[in-house]
Every structure is written in structure tokens, then in C-alpha cells.
Amino acid sequence: MMRFRFLLPLLLLLATSARSIADSLVYIWQRVWQRVWQGGHAAALRESHDLFSTLRVLGLQIYPREGARIARVNTSLLQRDGRPVWLVVRLDGSWTRQLFFRK
């Protein structure tokens, strides 16, 4: 339980963020999680200003056996970009299968 002590404030922060319908539609169809930030991300951020008014950034990934892994995010690049950022927590899909379909 101690691992998740920061999860509630994070979820509250995400719930209070504003979002546009267009961003949500693009998000639904274009979910690509970047676990390693590379040089090409700066250009991608510059070129995506017309597509996204907010950014969703993978910050934490939770696995059923291994536990949580914090993603290393290039925060200085995001600050320079200037758009609002949603920190995303990804739950590994096998987790739900293990919880609900135990034999």
C-alpha cells in the first residue's frame, strides 16, 4: 500500500485538468507510449502544436508482479513546450486478468 501513497493526489490532479474533445479523439486513436525520451521528441513536440492542446505523458507503469516503474521524463523539454501536461499511469493489461480470472 505504501507504493501507492502518491497515486491519489495524482488522480485528483488528472481529474481537475481540462481537456478538449479533439485531443481526446486523437488520444484514443494514437496511443503510443514513449518510455525513452530521445532527440526526435523536441521536433515532434514542435510539430504537434496544431494537433494537441495538451500532452499526455507516461509517468508511471504498474506491473502485477514487478510493481511500479517510474518513467524518466524530459521535464525541461515539456516546460519549454508550454502546453498543459497530463501525467498518465499505465496499468499492465495482464493485471486485470490476474485479478478477475483467477482459477
PDB file of N, CA and C in Angstrom:
ATOM      1  N   MET A   1       0.820  -1.197   0.000  1.00  0.00           N
ATOM      2  CA  MET A   1       0.000   0.000   0.000  1.00  0.00           C
ATOM      3  C   MET A   1       0.860   1.255   0.000  1.00  0.00           C
ATOM      4  N   MET A   2       2.056   1.164   0.565  1.00  0.00           N
ATOM      5  CA  MET A   2       2.933   2.331   0.623  1.00  0.00           C
ATOM      6  C   MET A   2       3.363   2.783  -0.774  1.00  0.00           C
ATOM      7  N   ARG A   3       3.412   1.850  -1.721  1.00  0.00           N
ATOM      8  CA  ARG A   3       3.812   2.205  -3.083  1.00  0.00           C
ATOM      9  C   ARG A   3       2.828   3.178  -3.727  1.00  0.00           C
ATOM     10  N   PHE A   4       1.593   3.122  -3.323  1.00  0.00           N
ATOM     11  CA  PHE A   4       0.550   3.895  -3.978  1.00  0.00           C
ATOM     12  C   PHE A   4       0.164   5.160  -3.222  1.00  0.00           C
ATOM     13  N   ARG A   5       0.967   5.598  -2.274  1.00  0.00           N
ATOM     14  CA  ARG A   5       0.604   6.761  -1.469  1.00  0.00           C
ATOM     15  C   ARG A   5       0.539   8.041  -2.294  1.00  0.00           C
ATOM     16  N   PHE A   6       1.221   8.076  -3.415  1.00  0.00           N
ATOM     17  CA  PHE A   6       1.224   9.249  -4.276  1.00  0.00           C
ATOM     18  C   PHE A   6       0.151   9.172  -5.356  1.00  0.00           C
ATOM     19  N   LEU A   7      -0.546   8.043  -5.468  1.00  0.00           N
ATOM     20  CA  LEU A   7      -1.498   7.834  -6.541  1.00  0.00           C
ATOM     21  C   LEU A   7      -2.747   8.697  -6.393  1.00  0.00           C
ATOM     22  N   LEU A   8      -3.278   8.860  -5.197  1.00  0.00           N
ATOM     23  CA  LEU A   8      -4.485   9.661  -5.004  1.00  0.00           C
ATOM     24  C   LEU A   8      -4.274  11.115  -5.406  1.00  0.00           C
ATOM     25  N   PRO A   9      -3.210  11.787  -4.948  1.00  0.00           N
ATOM     26  CA  PRO A   9      -3.005  13.164  -5.419  1.00  0.00           C
ATOM     27  C   PRO A   9      -2.847  13.244  -6.935  1.00  0.00           C
ATOM     28  N   LEU A  10      -2.211  12.255  -7.515  1.00  0.00           N
ATOM     29  CA  LEU A  10      -2.040  12.236  -8.957  1.00  0.00           C
ATOM     30  C   LEU A  10      -3.388  12.121  -9.661  1.00  0.00           C
ATOM     31  N   LEU A  11      -4.233  11.221  -9.189  1.00  0.00           N
ATOM     32  CA  LEU A  11      -5.550  11.050  -9.797  1.00  0.00           C
ATOM     33  C   LEU A  11      -6.411  12.292  -9.631  1.00  0.00           C
ATOM     34  N   LEU A  12      -6.323  12.943  -8.476  1.00  0.00           N
ATOM     35  CA  LEU A  12      -7.064  14.186  -8.276  1.00  0.00           C
ATOM     36  C   LEU A  12      -6.590  15.270  -9.233  1.00  0.00           C
ATOM     37  N   LEU A  13      -5.303  15.351  -9.434  1.00  0.00           N
ATOM     38  CA  LEU A  13      -4.752  16.325 -10.372  1.00  0.00           C
ATOM     39  C   LEU A  13      -5.257  16.060 -11.782  1.00  0.00           C
ATOM     40  N   LEU A  14      -5.271  14.813 -12.175  1.00  0.00           N
ATOM     41  CA  LEU A  14      -5.745  14.465 -13.509  1.00  0.00           C
ATOM     42  C   LEU A  14      -7.232  14.751 -13.670  1.00  0.00           C
ATOM     43  N   ALA A  15      -8.009  14.506 -12.635  1.00  0.00           N
ATOM     44  CA  ALA A  15      -9.452  14.718 -12.708  1.00  0.00           C
ATOM     45  C   ALA A  15      -9.811  16.188 -12.840  1.00  0.00           C
ATOM     46  N   THR A  16      -8.995  17.080 -12.318  1.00  0.00           N
ATOM     47  CA  THR A  16      -9.312  18.504 -12.372  1.00  0.00           C
ATOM     48  C   THR A  16      -8.780  19.185 -13.618  1.00  0.00           C
ATOM     49  N   SER A  17      -8.039  18.482 -14.443  1.00  0.00           N
ATOM     50  CA  SER A  17      -7.487  19.080 -15.659  1.00  0.00           C
ATOM     51  C   SER A  17      -8.567  19.197 -16.726  1.00  0.00           C
ATOM     52  N   ALA A  18      -8.509  20.295 -17.477  1.00  0.00           N
ATOM     53  CA  ALA A  18      -9.448  20.487 -18.586  1.00  0.00           C
ATOM     54  C   ALA A  18      -8.944  19.728 -19.805  1.00  0.00           C
ATOM     55  N   ARG A  19      -9.885  19.265 -20.634  1.00  0.00           N
ATOM     56  CA  ARG A  19      -9.466  18.591 -21.863  1.00  0.00           C
ATOM     57  C   ARG A  19     -10.426  18.930 -22.994  1.00  0.00           C
ATOM     58  N   SER A  20      -9.920  18.952 -24.191  1.00  0.00           N
ATOM     59  CA  SER A  20     -10.759  19.225 -25.353  1.00  0.00           C
ATOM     60  C   SER A  20     -11.178  17.909 -25.997  1.00  0.00           C
ATOM     61  N   ILE A  21     -12.295  17.941 -26.676  1.00  0.00           N
ATOM     62  CA  ILE A  21     -12.808  16.734 -27.328  1.00  0.00           C
ATOM     63  C   ILE A  21     -11.858  16.270 -28.425  1.00  0.00           C
ATOM     64  N   ALA A  22     -11.309  17.209 -29.173  1.00  0.00           N
ATOM     65  CA  ALA A  22     -10.389  16.835 -30.257  1.00  0.00           C
ATOM     66  C   ALA A  22      -9.163  16.121 -29.713  1.00  0.00           C
ATOM     67  N   ASP A  23      -8.622  16.618 -28.616  1.00  0.00           N
ATOM     68  CA  ASP A  23      -7.466  15.954 -28.016  1.00  0.00           C
ATOM     69  C   ASP A  23      -7.814  14.537 -27.605  1.00  0.00           C
ATOM     70  N   SER A  24      -8.994  14.362 -27.040  1.00  0.00           N
ATOM     71  CA  SER A  24      -9.409  13.039 -26.582  1.00  0.00           C
ATOM     72  C   SER A  24      -9.561  12.076 -27.749  1.00  0.00           C
ATOM     73  N   LEU A  25     -10.131  12.548 -28.846  1.00  0.00           N
ATOM     74  CA  LEU A  25     -10.298  11.676 -30.003  1.00  0.00           C
ATOM     75  C   LEU A  25      -8.953  11.269 -30.583  1.00  0.00           C
ATOM     76  N   VAL A  26      -8.040  12.204 -30.682  1.00  0.00           N
ATOM     77  CA  VAL A  26      -6.711  11.867 -31.184  1.00  0.00           C
ATOM     78  C   VAL A  26      -6.030  10.902 -30.229  1.00  0.00           C
ATOM     79  N   TYR A  27      -6.200  11.121 -28.933  1.00  0.00           N
ATOM     80  CA  TYR A  27      -5.589  10.251 -27.926  1.00  0.00           C
ATOM     81  C   TYR A  27      -6.098   8.816 -28.055  1.00  0.00           C
ATOM     82  N   ILE A  28      -7.397   8.671 -28.274  1.00  0.00           N
ATOM     83  CA  ILE A  28      -7.983   7.335 -28.373  1.00  0.00           C
ATOM     84  C   ILE A  28      -7.359   6.558 -29.536  1.00  0.00           C
ATOM     85  N   TRP A  29      -7.123   7.235 -30.639  1.00  0.00           N
ATOM     86  CA  TRP A  29      -6.618   6.548 -31.821  1.00  0.00           C
ATOM     87  C   TRP A  29      -5.095   6.516 -31.894  1.00  0.00           C
ATOM     88  N   GLN A  30      -4.411   7.340 -31.156  1.00  0.00           N
ATOM     89  CA  GLN A  30      -2.954   7.431 -31.263  1.00  0.00           C
ATOM     90  C   GLN A  30      -2.296   7.235 -29.903  1.00  0.00           C
ATOM     91  N   ARG A  31      -2.435   6.080 -29.314  1.00  0.00           N
ATOM     92  CA  ARG A  31      -1.797   5.817 -28.023  1.00  0.00           C
ATOM     93  C   ARG A  31      -0.460   5.132 -28.243  1.00  0.00           C
ATOM     94  N   VAL A  32       0.587   5.911 -28.210  1.00  0.00           N
ATOM     95  CA  VAL A  32       1.938   5.380 -28.334  1.00  0.00           C
ATOM     96  C   VAL A  32       2.709   5.856 -27.120  1.00  0.00           C
ATOM     97  N   TRP A  33       3.106   4.939 -26.275  1.00  0.00           N
ATOM     98  CA  TRP A  33       3.817   5.315 -25.054  1.00  0.00           C
ATOM     99  C   TRP A  33       5.309   5.351 -25.319  1.00  0.00           C
ATOM    100  N   GLN A  34       5.909   6.472 -25.025  1.00  0.00           N
ATOM    101  CA  GLN A  34       7.351   6.626 -25.173  1.00  0.00           C
ATOM    102  C   GLN A  34       7.994   6.406 -23.818  1.00  0.00           C
ATOM    103  N   ARG A  35       8.747   5.347 -23.685  1.00  0.00           N
ATOM    104  CA  ARG A  35       9.405   5.054 -22.416  1.00  0.00           C
ATOM    105  C   ARG A  35      10.808   5.643 -22.349  1.00  0.00           C
ATOM    106  N   VAL A  36      11.363   5.968 -23.516  1.00  0.00           N
ATOM    107  CA  VAL A  36      12.703   6.552 -23.567  1.00  0.00           C
ATOM    108  C   VAL A  36      12.619   7.837 -24.387  1.00  0.00           C
ATOM    109  N   TRP A  37      13.014   8.942 -23.772  1.00  0.00           N
ATOM    110  CA  TRP A  37      12.994  10.230 -24.473  1.00  0.00           C
ATOM    111  C   TRP A  37      14.257  10.364 -25.299  1.00  0.00           C
ATOM    112  N   GLN A  38      14.082  10.726 -26.575  1.00  0.00           N
ATOM    113  CA  GLN A  38      15.211  10.846 -27.490  1.00  0.00           C
ATOM    114  C   GLN A  38      15.208  12.230 -28.138  1.00  0.00           C
ATOM    115  N   GLY A  39      16.234  12.501 -28.925  1.00  0.00           N
ATOM    116  CA  GLY A  39      16.375  13.801 -29.565  1.00  0.00           C
ATOM    117  C   GLY A  39      15.221  14.171 -30.485  1.00  0.00           C
ATOM    118  N   GLY A  40      14.605  13.191 -31.109  1.00  0.00           N
ATOM    119  CA  GLY A  40      13.494  13.449 -32.017  1.00  0.00           C
ATOM    120  C   GLY A  40      12.240  13.968 -31.343  1.00  0.00           C
ATOM    121  N   HIS A  41      12.164  13.844 -30.044  1.00  0.00           N
ATOM    122  CA  HIS A  41      10.972  14.301 -29.338  1.00  0.00           C
ATOM    123  C   HIS A  41      10.815  15.819 -29.386  1.00  0.00           C
ATOM    124  N   ALA A  42      11.913  16.556 -29.405  1.00  0.00           N
ATOM    125  CA  ALA A  42      11.826  18.021 -29.475  1.00  0.00           C
ATOM    126  C   ALA A  42      11.135  18.444 -30.768  1.00  0.00           C
ATOM    127  N   ALA A  43      11.518  17.853 -31.877  1.00  0.00           N
ATOM    128  CA  ALA A  43      10.884  18.166 -33.163  1.00  0.00           C
ATOM    129  C   ALA A  43       9.425  17.720 -33.171  1.00  0.00           C
ATOM    130  N   ALA A  44       9.151  16.553 -32.609  1.00  0.00           N
ATOM    131  CA  ALA A  44       7.772  16.054 -32.563  1.00  0.00           C
ATOM    132  C   ALA A  44       6.879  16.982 -31.747  1.00  0.00           C
ATOM    133  N   LEU A  45       7.388  17.500 -30.646  1.00  0.00           N
ATOM    134  CA  LEU A  45       6.602  18.438 -29.845  1.00  0.00           C
ATOM    135  C   LEU A  45       6.337  19.723 -30.622  1.00  0.00           C
ATOM    136  N   ARG A  46       7.340  20.245 -31.298  1.00  0.00           N
ATOM    137  CA  ARG A  46       7.157  21.473 -32.089  1.00  0.00           C
ATOM    138  C   ARG A  46       6.110  21.270 -33.180  1.00  0.00           C
ATOM    139  N   GLU A  47       6.163  20.135 -33.848  1.00  0.00           N
ATOM    140  CA  GLU A  47       5.271  19.874 -34.976  1.00  0.00           C
ATOM    141  C   GLU A  47       3.855  19.496 -34.555  1.00  0.00           C
ATOM    142  N   SER A  48       3.633  19.188 -33.296  1.00  0.00           N
ATOM    143  CA  SER A  48       2.313  18.715 -32.853  1.00  0.00           C
ATOM    144  C   SER A  48       1.456  19.804 -32.220  1.00  0.00           C
ATOM    145  N   HIS A  49       1.905  21.045 -32.223  1.00  0.00           N
ATOM    146  CA  HIS A  49       1.129  22.112 -31.584  1.00  0.00           C
ATOM    147  C   HIS A  49      -0.256  22.277 -32.206  1.00  0.00           C
ATOM    148  N   ASP A  50      -0.401  22.040 -33.508  1.00  0.00           N
ATOM    149  CA  ASP A  50      -1.709  22.159 -34.151  1.00  0.00           C
ATOM    150  C   ASP A  50      -2.608  20.962 -33.860  1.00  0.00           C
ATOM    151  N   LEU A  51      -2.037  19.859 -33.447  1.00  0.00           N
ATOM    152  CA  LEU A  51      -2.810  18.648 -33.194  1.00  0.00           C
ATOM    153  C   LEU A  51      -3.289  18.525 -31.757  1.00  0.00           C
ATOM    154  N   PHE A  52      -2.460  18.930 -30.793  1.00  0.00           N
ATOM    155  CA  PHE A  52      -2.762  18.720 -29.382  1.00  0.00           C
ATOM    156  C   PHE A  52      -2.677  20.033 -28.620  1.00  0.00           C
ATOM    157  N   SER A  53      -3.684  20.298 -27.797  1.00  0.00           N
ATOM    158  CA  SER A  53      -3.590  21.470 -26.915  1.00  0.00           C
ATOM    159  C   SER A  53      -3.038  21.065 -25.551  1.00  0.00           C
ATOM    160  N   THR A  54      -3.075  19.774 -25.249  1.00  0.00           N
ATOM    161  CA  THR A  54      -2.491  19.242 -24.011  1.00  0.00           C
ATOM    162  C   THR A  54      -1.658  18.014 -24.368  1.00  0.00           C
ATOM    163  N   LEU A  55      -0.751  17.656 -23.486  1.00  0.00           N
ATOM    164  CA  LEU A  55       0.097  16.482 -23.705  1.00  0.00           C
ATOM    165  C   LEU A  55      -0.174  15.449 -22.625  1.00  0.00           C
ATOM    166  N   ARG A  56      -0.205  14.203 -23.016  1.00  0.00           N
ATOM    167  CA  ARG A  56      -0.311  13.098 -22.061  1.00  0.00           C
ATOM    168  C   ARG A  56       1.032  12.386 -22.055  1.00  0.00           C
ATOM    169  N   VAL A  57       1.622  12.319 -20.880  1.00  0.00           N
ATOM    170  CA  VAL A  57       2.979  11.791 -20.761  1.00  0.00           C
ATOM    171  C   VAL A  57       2.974  10.606 -19.808  1.00  0.00           C
ATOM    172  N   LEU A  58       3.528   9.499 -20.264  1.00  0.00           N
ATOM    173  CA  LEU A  58       3.634   8.316 -19.416  1.00  0.00           C
ATOM    174  C   LEU A  58       4.609   8.603 -18.282  1.00  0.00           C
ATOM    175  N   GLY A  59       4.105   8.570 -17.065  1.00  0.00           N
ATOM    176  CA  GLY A  59       4.947   8.852 -15.911  1.00  0.00           C
ATOM    177  C   GLY A  59       5.175   7.648 -15.021  1.00  0.00           C
ATOM    178  N   LEU A  60       4.239   6.690 -15.082  1.00  0.00           N
ATOM    179  CA  LEU A  60       4.322   5.533 -14.201  1.00  0.00           C
ATOM    180  C   LEU A  60       3.679   4.348 -14.895  1.00  0.00           C
ATOM    181  N   GLN A  61       4.317   3.208 -14.815  1.00  0.00           N
ATOM    182  CA  GLN A  61       3.757   1.981 -15.355  1.00  0.00           C
ATOM    183  C   GLN A  61       3.745   0.955 -14.238  1.00  0.00           C
ATOM    184  N   ILE A  62       2.586   0.322 -14.038  1.00  0.00           N
ATOM    185  CA  ILE A  62       2.432  -0.622 -12.932  1.00  0.00           C
ATOM    186  C   ILE A  62       2.224  -2.027 -13.493  1.00  0.00           C
ATOM    187  N   TYR A  63       3.066  -2.936 -13.034  1.00  0.00           N
ATOM    188  CA  TYR A  63       3.007  -4.338 -13.431  1.00  0.00           C
ATOM    189  C   TYR A  63       2.558  -5.157 -12.229  1.00  0.00           C
ATOM    190  N   PRO A  64       1.822  -6.262 -12.452  1.00  0.00           N
ATOM    191  CA  PRO A  64       1.308  -7.042 -11.328  1.00  0.00           C
ATOM    192  C   PRO A  64       2.391  -7.690 -10.475  1.00  0.00           C
ATOM    193  N   ARG A  65       3.454  -8.155 -11.083  1.00  0.00           N
ATOM    194  CA  ARG A  65       4.500  -8.839 -10.310  1.00  0.00           C
ATOM    195  C   ARG A  65       5.684  -7.934  -9.988  1.00  0.00           C
ATOM    196  N   GLU A  66       6.100  -7.145 -10.964  1.00  0.00           N
ATOM    197  CA  GLU A  66       7.296  -6.320 -10.780  1.00  0.00           C
ATOM    198  C   GLU A  66       7.028  -5.051  -9.981  1.00  0.00           C
ATOM    199  N   GLY A  67       5.783  -4.634  -9.924  1.00  0.00           N
ATOM    200  CA  GLY A  67       5.449  -3.398  -9.217  1.00  0.00           C
ATOM    201  C   GLY A  67       5.503  -2.194 -10.143  1.00  0.00           C
ATOM    202  N   ALA A  68       5.745  -1.038  -9.569  1.00  0.00           N
ATOM    203  CA  ALA A  68       5.703   0.214 -10.323  1.00  0.00           C
ATOM    204  C   ALA A  68       7.072   0.573 -10.886  1.00  0.00           C
ATOM    205  N   ARG A  69       7.047   1.129 -12.092  1.00  0.00           N
ATOM    206  CA  ARG A  69       8.257   1.668 -12.720  1.00  0.00           C
ATOM    207  C   ARG A  69       7.983   3.119 -13.092  1.00  0.00           C
ATOM    208  N   ILE A  70       8.801   4.000 -12.597  1.00  0.00           N
ATOM    209  CA  ILE A  70       8.659   5.416 -12.911  1.00  0.00           C
ATOM    210  C   ILE A  70       9.381   5.689 -14.223  1.00  0.00           C
ATOM    211  N   ALA A  71       8.683   6.345 -15.148  1.00  0.00           N
ATOM    212  CA  ALA A  71       9.292   6.681 -16.433  1.00  0.00           C
ATOM    213  C   ALA A  71      10.158   7.925 -16.278  1.00  0.00           C
ATOM    214  N   ARG A  72      11.272   7.930 -16.943  1.00  0.00           N
ATOM    215  CA  ARG A  72      12.143   9.113 -16.927  1.00  0.00           C
ATOM    216  C   ARG A  72      11.638  10.075 -17.993  1.00  0.00           C
ATOM    217  N   VAL A  73      11.140  11.210 -17.557  1.00  0.00           N
ATOM    218  CA  VAL A  73      10.517  12.187 -18.441  1.00  0.00           C
ATOM    219  C   VAL A  73      11.448  13.383 -18.606  1.00  0.00           C
ATOM    220  N   ASN A  74      11.545  13.898 -19.810  1.00  0.00           N
ATOM    221  CA  ASN A  74      12.349  15.088 -20.075  1.00  0.00           C
ATOM    222  C   ASN A  74      11.517  16.313 -19.694  1.00  0.00           C
ATOM    223  N   THR A  75      11.538  16.666 -18.426  1.00  0.00           N
ATOM    224  CA  THR A  75      10.690  17.755 -17.927  1.00  0.00           C
ATOM    225  C   THR A  75      11.099  19.114 -18.482  1.00  0.00           C
ATOM    226  N   SER A  76      12.368  19.328 -18.734  1.00  0.00           N
ATOM    227  CA  SER A  76      12.782  20.625 -19.281  1.00  0.00           C
ATOM    228  C   SER A  76      12.221  20.820 -20.689  1.00  0.00           C
ATOM    229  N   LEU A  77      12.157  19.764 -21.472  1.00  0.00           N
ATOM    230  CA  LEU A  77      11.571  19.845 -22.810  1.00  0.00           C
ATOM    231  C   LEU A  77      10.078  20.150 -22.723  1.00  0.00           C
ATOM    232  N   LEU A  78       9.392  19.527 -21.782  1.00  0.00           N
ATOM    233  CA  LEU A  78       7.964  19.782 -21.605  1.00  0.00           C
ATOM    234  C   LEU A  78       7.706  21.198 -21.106  1.00  0.00           C
ATOM    235  N   GLN A  79       8.542  21.701 -20.225  1.00  0.00           N
ATOM    236  CA  GLN A  79       8.386  23.073 -19.742  1.00  0.00           C
ATOM    237  C   GLN A  79       8.576  24.071 -20.874  1.00  0.00           C
ATOM    238  N   ARG A  80       9.558  23.852 -21.718  1.00  0.00           N
ATOM    239  CA  ARG A  80       9.784  24.753 -22.856  1.00  0.00           C
ATOM    240  C   ARG A  80       8.620  24.706 -23.838  1.00  0.00           C
ATOM    241  N   ASP A  81       7.981  23.550 -23.961  1.00  0.00           N
ATOM    242  CA  ASP A  81       6.853  23.406 -24.880  1.00  0.00           C
ATOM    243  C   ASP A  81       5.683  24.288 -24.454  1.00  0.00           C
ATOM    244  N   GLY A  82       5.424  24.356 -23.150  1.00  0.00           N
ATOM    245  CA  GLY A  82       4.416  25.273 -22.634  1.00  0.00           C
ATOM    246  C   GLY A  82       2.992  24.759 -22.562  1.00  0.00           C
ATOM    247  N   ARG A  83       2.696  23.628 -23.141  1.00  0.00           N
ATOM    248  CA  ARG A  83       1.327  23.105 -23.076  1.00  0.00           C
ATOM    249  C   ARG A  83       1.081  22.418 -21.741  1.00  0.00           C
ATOM    250  N   PRO A  84      -0.192  22.357 -21.320  1.00  0.00           N
ATOM    251  CA  PRO A  84      -0.511  21.591 -20.109  1.00  0.00           C
ATOM    252  C   PRO A  84      -0.156  20.114 -20.309  1.00  0.00           C
ATOM    253  N   VAL A  85       0.270  19.475 -19.224  1.00  0.00           N
ATOM    254  CA  VAL A  85       0.703  18.074 -19.287  1.00  0.00           C
ATOM    255  C   VAL A  85      -0.144  17.237 -18.342  1.00  0.00           C
ATOM    256  N   TRP A  86      -0.640  16.122 -18.846  1.00  0.00           N
ATOM    257  CA  TRP A  86      -1.318  15.122 -18.021  1.00  0.00           C
ATOM    258  C   TRP A  86      -0.327  13.994 -17.793  1.00  0.00           C
ATOM    259  N   LEU A  87      -0.106  13.670 -16.554  1.00  0.00           N
ATOM    260  CA  LEU A  87       0.742  12.535 -16.231  1.00  0.00           C
ATOM    261  C   LEU A  87      -0.124  11.280 -16.271  1.00  0.00           C
ATOM    262  N   VAL A  88       0.274  10.309 -17.064  1.00  0.00           N
ATOM    263  CA  VAL A  88      -0.514   9.094 -17.271  1.00  0.00           C
ATOM    264  C   VAL A  88       0.103   7.944 -16.491  1.00  0.00           C
ATOM    265  N   VAL A  89      -0.768   7.158 -15.851  1.00  0.00           N
ATOM    266  CA  VAL A  89      -0.358   5.931 -15.178  1.00  0.00           C
ATOM    267  C   VAL A  89      -0.916   4.775 -16.001  1.00  0.00           C
ATOM    268  N   ARG A  90      -0.052   3.894 -16.443  1.00  0.00           N
ATOM    269  CA  ARG A  90      -0.477   2.753 -17.252  1.00  0.00           C
ATOM    270  C   ARG A  90      -0.451   1.500 -16.399  1.00  0.00           C
ATOM    271  N   LEU A  91      -1.594   0.799 -16.381  1.00  0.00           N
ATOM    272  CA  LEU A  91      -1.688  -0.483 -15.689  1.00  0.00           C
ATOM    273  C   LEU A  91      -1.513  -1.584 -16.718  1.00  0.00           C
ATOM    274  N   ASP A  92      -0.613  -2.490 -16.465  1.00  0.00           N
ATOM    275  CA  ASP A  92      -0.381  -3.591 -17.381  1.00  0.00           C
ATOM    276  C   ASP A  92      -1.659  -4.404 -17.518  1.00  0.00           C
ATOM    277  N   GLY A  93      -2.037  -4.737 -18.754  1.00  0.00           N
ATOM    278  CA  GLY A  93      -3.290  -5.437 -19.015  1.00  0.00           C
ATOM    279  C   GLY A  93      -3.399  -6.799 -18.362  1.00  0.00           C
ATOM    280  N   SER A  94      -2.300  -7.464 -18.127  1.00  0.00           N
ATOM    281  CA  SER A  94      -2.370  -8.782 -17.505  1.00  0.00           C
ATOM    282  C   SER A  94      -2.784  -8.689 -16.046  1.00  0.00           C
ATOM    283  N   TRP A  95      -2.671  -7.503 -15.471  1.00  0.00           N
ATOM    284  CA  TRP A  95      -3.054  -7.313 -14.078  1.00  0.00           C
ATOM    285  C   TRP A  95      -4.542  -7.597 -13.882  1.00  0.00           C
ATOM    286  N   THR A  96      -5.388  -7.054 -14.746  1.00  0.00           N
ATOM    287  CA  THR A  96      -6.826  -7.272 -14.603  1.00  0.00           C
ATOM    288  C   THR A  96      -7.179  -8.730 -14.834  1.00  0.00           C
ATOM    289  N   ARG A  97      -6.494  -9.373 -15.754  1.00  0.00           N
ATOM    290  CA  ARG A  97      -6.773 -10.794 -15.978  1.00  0.00           C
ATOM    291  C   ARG A  97      -6.431 -11.606 -14.737  1.00  0.00           C
ATOM    292  N   GLN A  98      -5.354 -11.248 -14.066  1.00  0.00           N
ATOM    293  CA  GLN A  98      -4.957 -11.981 -12.868  1.00  0.00           C
ATOM    294  C   GLN A  98      -5.914 -11.716 -11.712  1.00  0.00           C
ATOM    295  N   LEU A  99      -6.414 -10.489 -11.615  1.00  0.00           N
ATOM    296  CA  LEU A  99      -7.302 -10.148 -10.509  1.00  0.00           C
ATOM    297  C   LEU A  99      -8.680 -10.780 -10.651  1.00  0.00           C
ATOM    298  N   PHE A 100      -9.223 -10.785 -11.871  1.00  0.00           N
ATOM    299  CA  PHE A 100     -10.609 -11.184 -12.056  1.00  0.00           C
ATOM    300  C   PHE A 100     -10.800 -12.596 -12.587  1.00  0.00           C
ATOM    301  N   PHE A 101      -9.769 -13.196 -13.108  1.00  0.00           N
ATOM    302  CA  PHE A 101      -9.929 -14.513 -13.703  1.00  0.00           C
ATOM    303  C   PHE A 101      -9.011 -15.539 -13.060  1.00  0.00           C
ATOM    304  N   ARG A 102      -8.871 -15.458 -11.770  1.00  0.00           N
ATOM    305  CA  ARG A 102      -8.039 -16.441 -11.057  1.00  0.00           C
ATOM    306  C   ARG A 102      -8.731 -17.790 -11.047  1.00  0.00           C
ATOM    307  N   LYS A 103      -7.931 -18.828 -11.151  1.00  0.00           N
ATOM    308  CA  LYS A 103      -8.509 -20.181 -11.123  1.00  0.00           C
ATOM    309  C   LYS A 103      -8.361 -20.772  -9.755  1.00  0.00           C
TER     310      LYS A 103
END
